[in-house]
Amino acid sequence: MCIAIGIAKQCDDCIGFHVKAAIAAGVTREEIAETISVAMYMGGGPSFMYGARALEAFDQMSV
């Protein structure tokens, strides 16, 4: 949920921090994608752009 709020509030630092924490907790890429889709549903176009950043952060940090 913190990732979704970071996306909705358009906070890059929040997204990075919470994606990193989610990875440490064992989240999957599919779970991140679901979270992003909920944030996009609630936040519209701007959340789409920040959701893409969140998924990119997950891909970079989970290697």
PDB file of N, CA and C in Angstrom:
ATOM      1  N   MET A   1       0.821  -1.194   0.000  1.00  0.00           N
ATOM      2  CA  MET A   1       0.000   0.000   0.000  1.00  0.00           C
ATOM      3  C   MET A   1       0.863   1.255   0.000  1.00  0.00           C
ATOM      4  N   CYS A   2       2.012   1.200   0.658  1.00  0.00           N
ATOM      5  CA  CYS A   2       2.891   2.367   0.681  1.00  0.00           C
ATOM      6  C   CYS A   2       3.392   2.697  -0.717  1.00  0.00           C
ATOM      7  N   ILE A   3       3.640   1.677  -1.521  1.00  0.00           N
ATOM      8  CA  ILE A   3       4.053   1.921  -2.905  1.00  0.00           C
ATOM      9  C   ILE A   3       2.936   2.637  -3.653  1.00  0.00           C
ATOM     10  N   ALA A   4       1.715   2.189  -3.474  1.00  0.00           N
ATOM     11  CA  ALA A   4       0.576   2.820  -4.146  1.00  0.00           C
ATOM     12  C   ALA A   4       0.432   4.281  -3.733  1.00  0.00           C
ATOM     13  N   ILE A   5       0.626   4.574  -2.480  1.00  0.00           N
ATOM     14  CA  ILE A   5       0.534   5.962  -2.015  1.00  0.00           C
ATOM     15  C   ILE A   5       1.668   6.787  -2.609  1.00  0.00           C
ATOM     16  N   GLY A   6       2.877   6.230  -2.646  1.00  0.00           N
ATOM     17  CA  GLY A   6       4.011   6.931  -3.257  1.00  0.00           C
ATOM     18  C   GLY A   6       3.751   7.250  -4.716  1.00  0.00           C
ATOM     19  N   ILE A   7       3.130   6.309  -5.421  1.00  0.00           N
ATOM     20  CA  ILE A   7       2.790   6.528  -6.827  1.00  0.00           C
ATOM     21  C   ILE A   7       1.741   7.631  -6.939  1.00  0.00           C
ATOM     22  N   ALA A   8       0.690   7.533  -6.150  1.00  0.00           N
ATOM     23  CA  ALA A   8      -0.401   8.508  -6.217  1.00  0.00           C
ATOM     24  C   ALA A   8       0.070   9.914  -5.844  1.00  0.00           C
ATOM     25  N   LYS A   9       1.016  10.006  -4.918  1.00  0.00           N
ATOM     26  CA  LYS A   9       1.535  11.309  -4.492  1.00  0.00           C
ATOM     27  C   LYS A   9       2.723  11.760  -5.336  1.00  0.00           C
ATOM     28  N   GLN A  10       3.128  10.934  -6.313  1.00  0.00           N
ATOM     29  CA  GLN A  10       4.203  11.239  -7.250  1.00  0.00           C
ATOM     30  C   GLN A  10       5.527  11.532  -6.535  1.00  0.00           C
ATOM     31  N   CYS A  11       5.883  10.641  -5.626  1.00  0.00           N
ATOM     32  CA  CYS A  11       7.090  10.797  -4.811  1.00  0.00           C
ATOM     33  C   CYS A  11       8.129   9.742  -5.208  1.00  0.00           C
ATOM     34  N   ASP A  12       9.115  10.139  -6.011  1.00  0.00           N
ATOM     35  CA  ASP A  12      10.143   9.203  -6.462  1.00  0.00           C
ATOM     36  C   ASP A  12      10.889   8.548  -5.301  1.00  0.00           C
ATOM     37  N   ASP A  13      11.260   9.343  -4.315  1.00  0.00           N
ATOM     38  CA  ASP A  13      11.998   8.793  -3.170  1.00  0.00           C
ATOM     39  C   ASP A  13      11.165   7.775  -2.411  1.00  0.00           C
ATOM     40  N   CYS A  14       9.884   8.063  -2.231  1.00  0.00           N
ATOM     41  CA  CYS A  14       8.990   7.126  -1.543  1.00  0.00           C
ATOM     42  C   CYS A  14       8.887   5.817  -2.312  1.00  0.00           C
ATOM     43  N   ILE A  15       8.740   5.925  -3.631  1.00  0.00           N
ATOM     44  CA  ILE A  15       8.633   4.732  -4.463  1.00  0.00           C
ATOM     45  C   ILE A  15       9.874   3.871  -4.302  1.00  0.00           C
ATOM     46  N   GLY A  16      11.045   4.471  -4.428  1.00  0.00           N
ATOM     47  CA  GLY A  16      12.294   3.716  -4.296  1.00  0.00           C
ATOM     48  C   GLY A  16      12.439   3.051  -2.939  1.00  0.00           C
ATOM     49  N   PHE A  17      12.159   3.801  -1.887  1.00  0.00           N
ATOM     50  CA  PHE A  17      12.288   3.269  -0.531  1.00  0.00           C
ATOM     51  C   PHE A  17      11.353   2.093  -0.308  1.00  0.00           C
ATOM     52  N   HIS A  18      10.102   2.238  -0.712  1.00  0.00           N
ATOM     53  CA  HIS A  18       9.114   1.197  -0.444  1.00  0.00           C
ATOM     54  C   HIS A  18       9.257  -0.003  -1.378  1.00  0.00           C
ATOM     55  N   VAL A  19       9.707   0.224  -2.606  1.00  0.00           N
ATOM     56  CA  VAL A  19       9.979  -0.913  -3.488  1.00  0.00           C
ATOM     57  C   VAL A  19      11.131  -1.737  -2.915  1.00  0.00           C
ATOM     58  N   LYS A  20      12.162  -1.077  -2.435  1.00  0.00           N
ATOM     59  CA  LYS A  20      13.291  -1.787  -1.835  1.00  0.00           C
ATOM     60  C   LYS A  20      12.846  -2.602  -0.624  1.00  0.00           C
ATOM     61  N   ALA A  21      12.008  -2.017   0.216  1.00  0.00           N
ATOM     62  CA  ALA A  21      11.490  -2.730   1.387  1.00  0.00           C
ATOM     63  C   ALA A  21      10.612  -3.911   0.976  1.00  0.00           C
ATOM     64  N   ALA A  22       9.823  -3.719  -0.069  1.00  0.00           N
ATOM     65  CA  ALA A  22       8.951  -4.796  -0.544  1.00  0.00           C
ATOM     66  C   ALA A  22       9.776  -5.971  -1.079  1.00  0.00           C
ATOM     67  N   ILE A  23      10.846  -5.661  -1.788  1.00  0.00           N
ATOM     68  CA  ILE A  23      11.725  -6.718  -2.292  1.00  0.00           C
ATOM     69  C   ILE A  23      12.320  -7.510  -1.130  1.00  0.00           C
ATOM     70  N   ALA A  24      12.757  -6.792  -0.104  1.00  0.00           N
ATOM     71  CA  ALA A  24      13.321  -7.462   1.075  1.00  0.00           C
ATOM     72  C   ALA A  24      12.281  -8.351   1.756  1.00  0.00           C
ATOM     73  N   ALA A  25      11.007  -7.982   1.640  1.00  0.00           N
ATOM     74  CA  ALA A  25       9.931  -8.773   2.242  1.00  0.00           C
ATOM     75  C   ALA A  25       9.483  -9.926   1.346  1.00  0.00           C
ATOM     76  N   GLY A  26      10.046  -9.998   0.135  1.00  0.00           N
ATOM     77  CA  GLY A  26       9.748 -11.124  -0.744  1.00  0.00           C
ATOM     78  C   GLY A  26       8.635 -10.904  -1.755  1.00  0.00           C
ATOM     79  N   VAL A  27       8.295  -9.654  -2.041  1.00  0.00           N
ATOM     80  CA  VAL A  27       7.235  -9.374  -3.003  1.00  0.00           C
ATOM     81  C   VAL A  27       7.642  -9.859  -4.397  1.00  0.00           C
ATOM     82  N   THR A  28       6.653 -10.244  -5.174  1.00  0.00           N
ATOM     83  CA  THR A  28       6.908 -10.669  -6.553  1.00  0.00           C
ATOM     84  C   THR A  28       6.637  -9.510  -7.510  1.00  0.00           C
ATOM     85  N   ARG A  29       7.126  -9.648  -8.732  1.00  0.00           N
ATOM     86  CA  ARG A  29       6.874  -8.633  -9.754  1.00  0.00           C
ATOM     87  C   ARG A  29       5.371  -8.518 -10.027  1.00  0.00           C
ATOM     88  N   GLU A  30       4.681  -9.631  -9.996  1.00  0.00           N
ATOM     89  CA  GLU A  30       3.237  -9.614 -10.228  1.00  0.00           C
ATOM     90  C   GLU A  30       2.505  -8.842  -9.133  1.00  0.00           C
ATOM     91  N   GLU A  31       2.955  -8.970  -7.900  1.00  0.00           N
ATOM     92  CA  GLU A  31       2.335  -8.218  -6.801  1.00  0.00           C
ATOM     93  C   GLU A  31       2.592  -6.723  -6.953  1.00  0.00           C
ATOM     94  N   ILE A  32       3.799  -6.362  -7.376  1.00  0.00           N
ATOM     95  CA  ILE A  32       4.100  -4.948  -7.633  1.00  0.00           C
ATOM     96  C   ILE A  32       3.188  -4.434  -8.750  1.00  0.00           C
ATOM     97  N   ALA A  33       3.051  -5.218  -9.818  1.00  0.00           N
ATOM     98  CA  ALA A  33       2.209  -4.810 -10.941  1.00  0.00           C
ATOM     99  C   ALA A  33       0.755  -4.619 -10.504  1.00  0.00           C
ATOM    100  N   GLU A  34       0.265  -5.473  -9.642  1.00  0.00           N
ATOM    101  CA  GLU A  34      -1.105  -5.333  -9.142  1.00  0.00           C
ATOM    102  C   GLU A  34      -1.256  -4.056  -8.323  1.00  0.00           C
ATOM    103  N   THR A  35      -0.272  -3.771  -7.490  1.00  0.00           N
ATOM    104  CA  THR A  35      -0.285  -2.546  -6.691  1.00  0.00           C
ATOM    105  C   THR A  35      -0.299  -1.323  -7.601  1.00  0.00           C
ATOM    106  N   ILE A  36       0.517  -1.365  -8.652  1.00  0.00           N
ATOM    107  CA  ILE A  36       0.574  -0.252  -9.604  1.00  0.00           C
ATOM    108  C   ILE A  36      -0.770  -0.074 -10.299  1.00  0.00           C
ATOM    109  N   SER A  37      -1.408  -1.170 -10.655  1.00  0.00           N
ATOM    110  CA  SER A  37      -2.691  -1.059 -11.351  1.00  0.00           C
ATOM    111  C   SER A  37      -3.754  -0.419 -10.467  1.00  0.00           C
ATOM    112  N   VAL A  38      -3.745  -0.710  -9.179  1.00  0.00           N
ATOM    113  CA  VAL A  38      -4.695  -0.078  -8.258  1.00  0.00           C
ATOM    114  C   VAL A  38      -4.388   1.407  -8.137  1.00  0.00           C
ATOM    115  N   ALA A  39      -3.111   1.755  -8.028  1.00  0.00           N
ATOM    116  CA  ALA A  39      -2.728   3.171  -7.933  1.00  0.00           C
ATOM    117  C   ALA A  39      -3.133   3.919  -9.210  1.00  0.00           C
ATOM    118  N   MET A  40      -2.968   3.288 -10.361  1.00  0.00           N
ATOM    119  CA  MET A  40      -3.353   3.909 -11.626  1.00  0.00           C
ATOM    120  C   MET A  40      -4.858   4.106 -11.700  1.00  0.00           C
ATOM    121  N   TYR A  41      -5.590   3.130 -11.235  1.00  0.00           N
ATOM    122  CA  TYR A  41      -7.046   3.223 -11.239  1.00  0.00           C
ATOM    123  C   TYR A  41      -7.510   4.427 -10.417  1.00  0.00           C
ATOM    124  N   MET A  42      -6.868   4.632  -9.286  1.00  0.00           N
ATOM    125  CA  MET A  42      -7.272   5.711  -8.388  1.00  0.00           C
ATOM    126  C   MET A  42      -6.657   7.058  -8.765  1.00  0.00           C
ATOM    127  N   GLY A  43      -5.460   7.036  -9.393  1.00  0.00           N
ATOM    128  CA  GLY A  43      -4.737   8.285  -9.624  1.00  0.00           C
ATOM    129  C   GLY A  43      -4.677   8.756 -11.060  1.00  0.00           C
ATOM    130  N   GLY A  44      -5.222   8.000 -11.979  1.00  0.00           N
ATOM    131  CA  GLY A  44      -5.266   8.433 -13.372  1.00  0.00           C
ATOM    132  C   GLY A  44      -3.914   8.455 -14.063  1.00  0.00           C
ATOM    133  N   GLY A  45      -3.812   9.303 -15.077  1.00  0.00           N
ATOM    134  CA  GLY A  45      -2.627   9.384 -15.932  1.00  0.00           C
ATOM    135  C   GLY A  45      -1.318   9.623 -15.199  1.00  0.00           C
ATOM    136  N   PRO A  46      -1.264  10.570 -14.258  1.00  0.00           N
ATOM    137  CA  PRO A  46      -0.003  10.778 -13.551  1.00  0.00           C
ATOM    138  C   PRO A  46       0.462   9.516 -12.815  1.00  0.00           C
ATOM    139  N   SER A  47      -0.461   8.769 -12.273  1.00  0.00           N
ATOM    140  CA  SER A  47      -0.083   7.532 -11.584  1.00  0.00           C
ATOM    141  C   SER A  47       0.438   6.488 -12.564  1.00  0.00           C
ATOM    142  N   PHE A  48      -0.023   6.538 -13.812  1.00  0.00           N
ATOM    143  CA  PHE A  48       0.502   5.642 -14.834  1.00  0.00           C
ATOM    144  C   PHE A  48       1.995   5.879 -15.015  1.00  0.00           C
ATOM    145  N   MET A  49       2.397   7.134 -15.088  1.00  0.00           N
ATOM    146  CA  MET A  49       3.813   7.468 -15.292  1.00  0.00           C
ATOM    147  C   MET A  49       4.657   7.065 -14.088  1.00  0.00           C
ATOM    148  N   TYR A  50       4.173   7.324 -12.900  1.00  0.00           N
ATOM    149  CA  TYR A  50       4.926   6.963 -11.699  1.00  0.00           C
ATOM    150  C   TYR A  50       4.871   5.471 -11.443  1.00  0.00           C
ATOM    151  N   GLY A  51       3.809   4.820 -11.871  1.00  0.00           N
ATOM    152  CA  GLY A  51       3.737   3.363 -11.781  1.00  0.00           C
ATOM    153  C   GLY A  51       4.812   2.708 -12.631  1.00  0.00           C
ATOM    154  N   ALA A  52       5.050   3.272 -13.810  1.00  0.00           N
ATOM    155  CA  ALA A  52       6.123   2.761 -14.662  1.00  0.00           C
ATOM    156  C   ALA A  52       7.464   2.898 -13.967  1.00  0.00           C
ATOM    157  N   ARG A  53       7.667   3.996 -13.254  1.00  0.00           N
ATOM    158  CA  ARG A  53       8.912   4.188 -12.501  1.00  0.00           C
ATOM    159  C   ARG A  53       9.043   3.153 -11.390  1.00  0.00           C
ATOM    160  N   ALA A  54       7.938   2.833 -10.734  1.00  0.00           N
ATOM    161  CA  ALA A  54       7.971   1.838  -9.658  1.00  0.00           C
ATOM    162  C   ALA A  54       8.337   0.463 -10.204  1.00  0.00           C
ATOM    163  N   LEU A  55       7.773   0.109 -11.343  1.00  0.00           N
ATOM    164  CA  LEU A  55       8.093  -1.195 -11.934  1.00  0.00           C
ATOM    165  C   LEU A  55       9.546  -1.230 -12.406  1.00  0.00           C
ATOM    166  N   GLU A  56      10.025  -0.132 -12.944  1.00  0.00           N
ATOM    167  CA  GLU A  56      11.429  -0.033 -13.349  1.00  0.00           C
ATOM    168  C   GLU A  56      12.342  -0.158 -12.126  1.00  0.00           C
ATOM    169  N   ALA A  57      11.956   0.470 -11.022  1.00  0.00           N
ATOM    170  CA  ALA A  57      12.756   0.365  -9.790  1.00  0.00           C
ATOM    171  C   ALA A  57      12.801  -1.072  -9.309  1.00  0.00           C
ATOM    172  N   PHE A  58      11.662  -1.767  -9.373  1.00  0.00           N
ATOM    173  CA  PHE A  58      11.634  -3.165  -8.964  1.00  0.00           C
ATOM    174  C   PHE A  58      12.587  -3.984  -9.832  1.00  0.00           C
ATOM    175  N   ASP A  59      12.510  -3.779 -11.147  1.00  0.00           N
ATOM    176  CA  ASP A  59      13.368  -4.538 -12.056  1.00  0.00           C
ATOM    177  C   ASP A  59      14.843  -4.282 -11.793  1.00  0.00           C
ATOM    178  N   GLN A  60      15.200  -3.049 -11.498  1.00  0.00           N
ATOM    179  CA  GLN A  60      16.605  -2.709 -11.246  1.00  0.00           C
ATOM    180  C   GLN A  60      17.096  -3.257  -9.905  1.00  0.00           C
ATOM    181  N   MET A  61      16.255  -3.207  -8.887  1.00  0.00           N
ATOM    182  CA  MET A  61      16.689  -3.608  -7.545  1.00  0.00           C
ATOM    183  C   MET A  61      16.589  -5.094  -7.278  1.00  0.00           C
ATOM    184  N   SER A  62      15.864  -5.822  -8.108  1.00  0.00           N
ATOM    185  CA  SER A  62      15.654  -7.224  -7.803  1.00  0.00           C
ATOM    186  C   SER A  62      16.594  -8.151  -8.558  1.00  0.00           C
ATOM    187  N   VAL A  63      17.601  -7.614  -9.182  1.00  0.00           N
ATOM    188  CA  VAL A  63      18.566  -8.479  -9.910  1.00  0.00           C
ATOM    189  C   VAL A  63      19.572  -9.092  -8.991  1.00  0.00           C
TER     190      VAL A  63
END
